[in-house]
Amino acid sequence: TEDAKQVYDFIEMGTPLFVFSRISQPASLVLDAISPPSVSALSYLVADIDTGDVFLEQNTETIVPAESATRLMTTLVANEMIPFDAKGSKKKTPDVPGFVDWMNAKARSLDMQSTHFSSAVSTSTENVSTADDLFRLTVYLARKKPFILDTAAEHPMISVSSLAIRGVTRRVAIIVMAPDNAADSRALTDWF
């Protein structure tokens, strides 16, 4: 287009550009009139992956150990950073300290400001995150690497569902920051 030609003629080679693409979004829903369910988790978030609409939240910036964040980030970083040959075999296996650095770098690139990994082992209580940060990770995975979210049953803090809300199908992330969160996840899903 003529606009693109003007930009090309104006900037120097190597100048970073931000490209905005207008994507049609479903209309926002108002769910304020619906009483929230009883949930025991200290922190949770229910939000639309595609629009960012937050339907329900509580203490989303509270930092807690996050087993699911570790598992998802390990899978994501392994998928993006470890080279594989044509047969699907690893060309090299990263040392654990280097791999954890990659995990933290990826978290920073996704603006997961409160997330920190000390280990690639999901049971480490030193690996921490927030519901807000897990939502950022979930949105990235839903848009760029949905096959990683297909293992959601293995990540009890995060569930992603396509839910019909007032006749509109929405991809909804339910993030519950609690060790025993199955009942809370069900209550939040049933809330719709």
Protein backbone atom coordinates (compact mmCIF):
# COMPACT_ATOMS: atom_id res chain seq x y z
CA THR A 1 0.00 0.00 0.00
CA GLU A 2 1.00 3.64 -0.28
CA ASP A 3 1.26 3.93 3.53
CA ALA A 4 3.73 1.05 3.68
CA LYS A 5 5.85 2.62 0.92
CA GLN A 6 5.98 5.93 2.85
CA VAL A 7 7.13 4.14 6.00
CA TYR A 8 9.71 2.15 4.04
CA ASP A 9 11.12 5.32 2.45
CA PHE A 10 11.18 7.14 5.80
CA ILE A 11 12.93 4.66 8.12
CA GLU A 12 16.45 3.29 8.15
CA MET A 13 17.23 -0.40 7.68
CA GLY A 14 17.06 -2.28 11.00
CA THR A 15 14.57 0.09 12.66
CA PRO A 16 12.10 -1.93 14.76
CA LEU A 17 8.47 -1.61 13.73
CA PHE A 18 5.24 -2.27 15.57
CA VAL A 19 2.56 -3.68 13.28
CA PHE A 20 -1.01 -3.32 14.50
CA SER A 21 -3.63 -5.64 13.12
CA ARG A 22 -7.25 -4.88 13.88
CA ILE A 23 -8.96 -8.12 14.89
CA SER A 24 -12.69 -8.18 15.36
CA GLN A 25 -13.54 -9.05 18.94
CA PRO A 26 -16.76 -10.49 20.27
CA ALA A 27 -18.79 -7.98 22.24
CA SER A 28 -17.91 -7.74 25.92
CA LEU A 29 -20.25 -9.45 28.31
CA VAL A 30 -21.51 -8.01 31.56
CA LEU A 31 -21.72 -10.65 34.26
CA ASP A 32 -21.89 -8.34 37.29
CA ALA A 33 -25.49 -9.31 38.00
CA ILE A 34 -24.52 -12.95 38.61
CA SER A 35 -23.40 -13.72 42.16
CA PRO A 36 -19.91 -15.27 42.23
CA PRO A 37 -19.57 -18.86 43.42
CA SER A 38 -18.12 -19.85 46.76
CA VAL A 39 -14.42 -20.54 46.17
CA SER A 40 -11.83 -21.42 48.81
CA ALA A 41 -8.76 -20.43 46.76
CA LEU A 42 -7.00 -17.26 47.87
CA SER A 43 -6.31 -16.27 44.25
CA TYR A 44 -8.15 -16.98 40.99
CA LEU A 45 -8.94 -15.47 37.61
CA VAL A 46 -11.65 -16.23 35.05
CA ALA A 47 -11.08 -14.41 31.76
CA ASP A 48 -11.71 -14.56 28.03
CA ILE A 49 -8.54 -15.58 26.20
CA ASP A 50 -9.42 -13.71 23.01
CA THR A 51 -10.71 -10.41 24.38
CA GLY A 52 -9.00 -10.22 27.76
CA ASP A 53 -12.39 -9.61 29.41
CA VAL A 54 -12.06 -10.55 33.08
CA PHE A 55 -15.27 -12.12 34.33
CA LEU A 56 -14.21 -12.84 37.89
CA GLU A 57 -11.01 -12.35 39.87
CA GLN A 58 -9.59 -12.35 43.35
CA ASN A 59 -6.05 -11.48 44.51
CA THR A 60 -4.63 -12.03 41.02
CA GLU A 61 -1.29 -10.46 41.93
CA THR A 62 -0.64 -12.74 44.92
CA ILE A 63 2.61 -14.66 44.40
CA VAL A 64 2.36 -18.39 45.16
CA PRO A 65 4.25 -21.58 44.24
CA ALA A 66 3.07 -22.51 40.77
CA GLU A 67 3.55 -26.11 39.70
CA SER A 68 1.48 -25.65 36.53
CA ALA A 69 3.49 -22.60 35.44
CA THR A 70 6.66 -24.66 35.71
CA ARG A 71 5.28 -27.56 33.69
CA LEU A 72 3.87 -25.32 30.96
CA MET A 73 6.97 -23.13 30.75
CA THR A 74 9.26 -26.18 30.64
CA THR A 75 7.23 -27.59 27.75
CA LEU A 76 7.14 -24.24 25.95
CA VAL A 77 10.87 -23.56 26.30
CA ALA A 78 11.77 -27.11 25.29
CA ASN A 79 9.58 -26.69 22.21
CA GLU A 80 11.06 -23.32 21.25
CA MET A 81 14.67 -23.56 22.36
CA ILE A 82 15.99 -27.11 22.09
CA PRO A 83 17.08 -27.94 18.55
CA PHE A 84 15.86 -31.23 17.12
CA ASP A 85 17.16 -33.05 14.06
CA ALA A 86 14.95 -34.32 11.22
CA LYS A 87 14.29 -37.58 13.11
CA GLY A 88 12.99 -35.72 16.15
CA SER A 89 16.04 -36.47 18.29
CA LYS A 90 17.53 -33.75 20.46
CA LYS A 91 20.75 -32.35 19.03
CA LYS A 92 21.88 -31.29 22.49
CA THR A 93 20.38 -31.36 25.93
CA PRO A 94 20.73 -28.10 27.83
CA ASP A 95 22.21 -28.09 31.30
CA VAL A 96 19.59 -27.39 33.94
CA PRO A 97 20.90 -23.94 35.03
CA GLY A 98 20.90 -22.77 31.40
CA PHE A 99 17.43 -24.18 30.85
CA VAL A 100 16.07 -22.35 33.90
CA ASP A 101 17.60 -19.13 32.53
CA TRP A 102 15.69 -19.74 29.29
CA MET A 103 12.48 -20.26 31.29
CA ASN A 104 12.96 -16.96 33.14
CA ALA A 105 13.83 -15.15 29.90
CA LYS A 106 10.65 -16.46 28.26
CA ALA A 107 8.60 -15.38 31.29
CA ARG A 108 10.06 -11.86 31.01
CA SER A 109 9.33 -11.78 27.27
CA LEU A 110 5.68 -12.54 28.05
CA ASP A 111 5.60 -9.74 30.67
CA MET A 112 5.19 -12.25 33.48
CA GLN A 113 6.71 -9.81 35.95
CA SER A 114 6.00 -11.75 39.14
CA THR A 115 7.05 -15.17 37.86
CA HIS A 116 10.41 -16.66 38.77
CA PHE A 117 11.82 -20.14 38.23
CA SER A 118 14.64 -21.58 40.34
CA SER A 119 14.34 -25.07 38.94
CA ALA A 120 12.89 -26.92 35.96
CA VAL A 121 11.33 -29.36 38.46
CA SER A 122 7.63 -28.60 38.86
CA THR A 123 7.50 -29.56 42.54
CA SER A 124 9.95 -26.82 43.55
CA THR A 125 8.21 -24.38 45.89
CA GLU A 126 10.73 -21.73 44.80
CA ASN A 127 9.06 -21.54 41.38
CA VAL A 128 6.43 -18.82 41.82
CA SER A 129 3.84 -17.00 39.78
CA THR A 130 0.51 -15.16 39.96
CA ALA A 131 -2.90 -15.71 38.39
CA ASP A 132 -2.26 -12.61 36.22
CA ASP A 133 1.02 -14.03 34.95
CA LEU A 134 -0.48 -17.47 34.30
CA PHE A 135 -3.19 -15.78 32.25
CA ARG A 136 -0.50 -14.11 30.11
CA LEU A 137 1.14 -17.51 29.57
CA THR A 138 -2.23 -19.12 28.79
CA VAL A 139 -3.08 -16.44 26.20
CA TYR A 140 0.32 -16.90 24.51
CA LEU A 141 -0.06 -20.67 24.42
CA ALA A 142 -3.65 -20.48 23.16
CA ARG A 143 -2.57 -18.22 20.29
CA LYS A 144 0.86 -19.64 19.41
CA LYS A 145 1.18 -23.17 20.81
CA PRO A 146 -2.31 -24.57 21.49
CA PHE A 147 -1.03 -28.16 21.45
CA ILE A 148 0.73 -27.41 24.75
CA LEU A 149 -2.60 -26.47 26.33
CA ASP A 150 -4.04 -29.79 25.13
CA THR A 151 -2.26 -31.25 28.15
CA ALA A 152 -4.38 -29.03 30.44
CA ALA A 153 -5.49 -32.02 32.51
CA GLU A 154 -1.89 -32.26 33.65
CA HIS A 155 -1.95 -28.59 34.76
CA PRO A 156 -4.60 -28.38 37.48
CA MET A 157 -4.10 -24.64 38.11
CA ILE A 158 -5.23 -23.83 34.57
CA SER A 159 -8.24 -24.97 32.64
CA VAL A 160 -9.29 -23.69 29.24
CA SER A 161 -12.79 -24.26 27.94
CA SER A 162 -14.96 -23.11 25.10
CA LEU A 163 -18.10 -21.98 26.87
CA ALA A 164 -21.36 -20.70 25.44
CA ILE A 165 -22.10 -17.49 27.28
CA ARG A 166 -25.42 -15.90 26.33
CA GLY A 167 -25.25 -17.49 22.91
CA VAL A 168 -21.62 -16.52 22.22
CA THR A 169 -18.90 -19.19 22.35
CA ARG A 170 -15.91 -17.88 24.29
CA ARG A 171 -12.51 -19.43 25.06
CA VAL A 172 -12.28 -18.97 28.80
CA ALA A 173 -9.26 -19.52 31.02
CA ILE A 174 -9.90 -20.45 34.62
CA ILE A 175 -6.82 -20.09 36.76
CA VAL A 176 -6.97 -21.20 40.39
CA MET A 177 -3.90 -20.62 42.54
CA ALA A 178 -4.43 -23.31 45.17
CA PRO A 179 -2.91 -26.72 45.81
CA ASP A 180 -6.29 -28.52 45.79
CA ASN A 181 -8.19 -26.62 43.15
CA ALA A 182 -10.39 -29.14 41.34
CA ALA A 183 -13.55 -28.19 43.28
CA ASP A 184 -12.86 -24.46 42.83
CA SER A 185 -12.26 -24.93 39.08
CA ARG A 186 -15.57 -26.80 38.76
CA ALA A 187 -17.42 -24.11 40.74
CA LEU A 188 -15.98 -21.35 38.54
CA THR A 189 -16.79 -23.26 35.33
CA ASP A 190 -20.33 -23.97 36.54
CA TRP A 191 -20.72 -20.25 37.36
CA PHE A 192 -21.38 -19.62 33.68
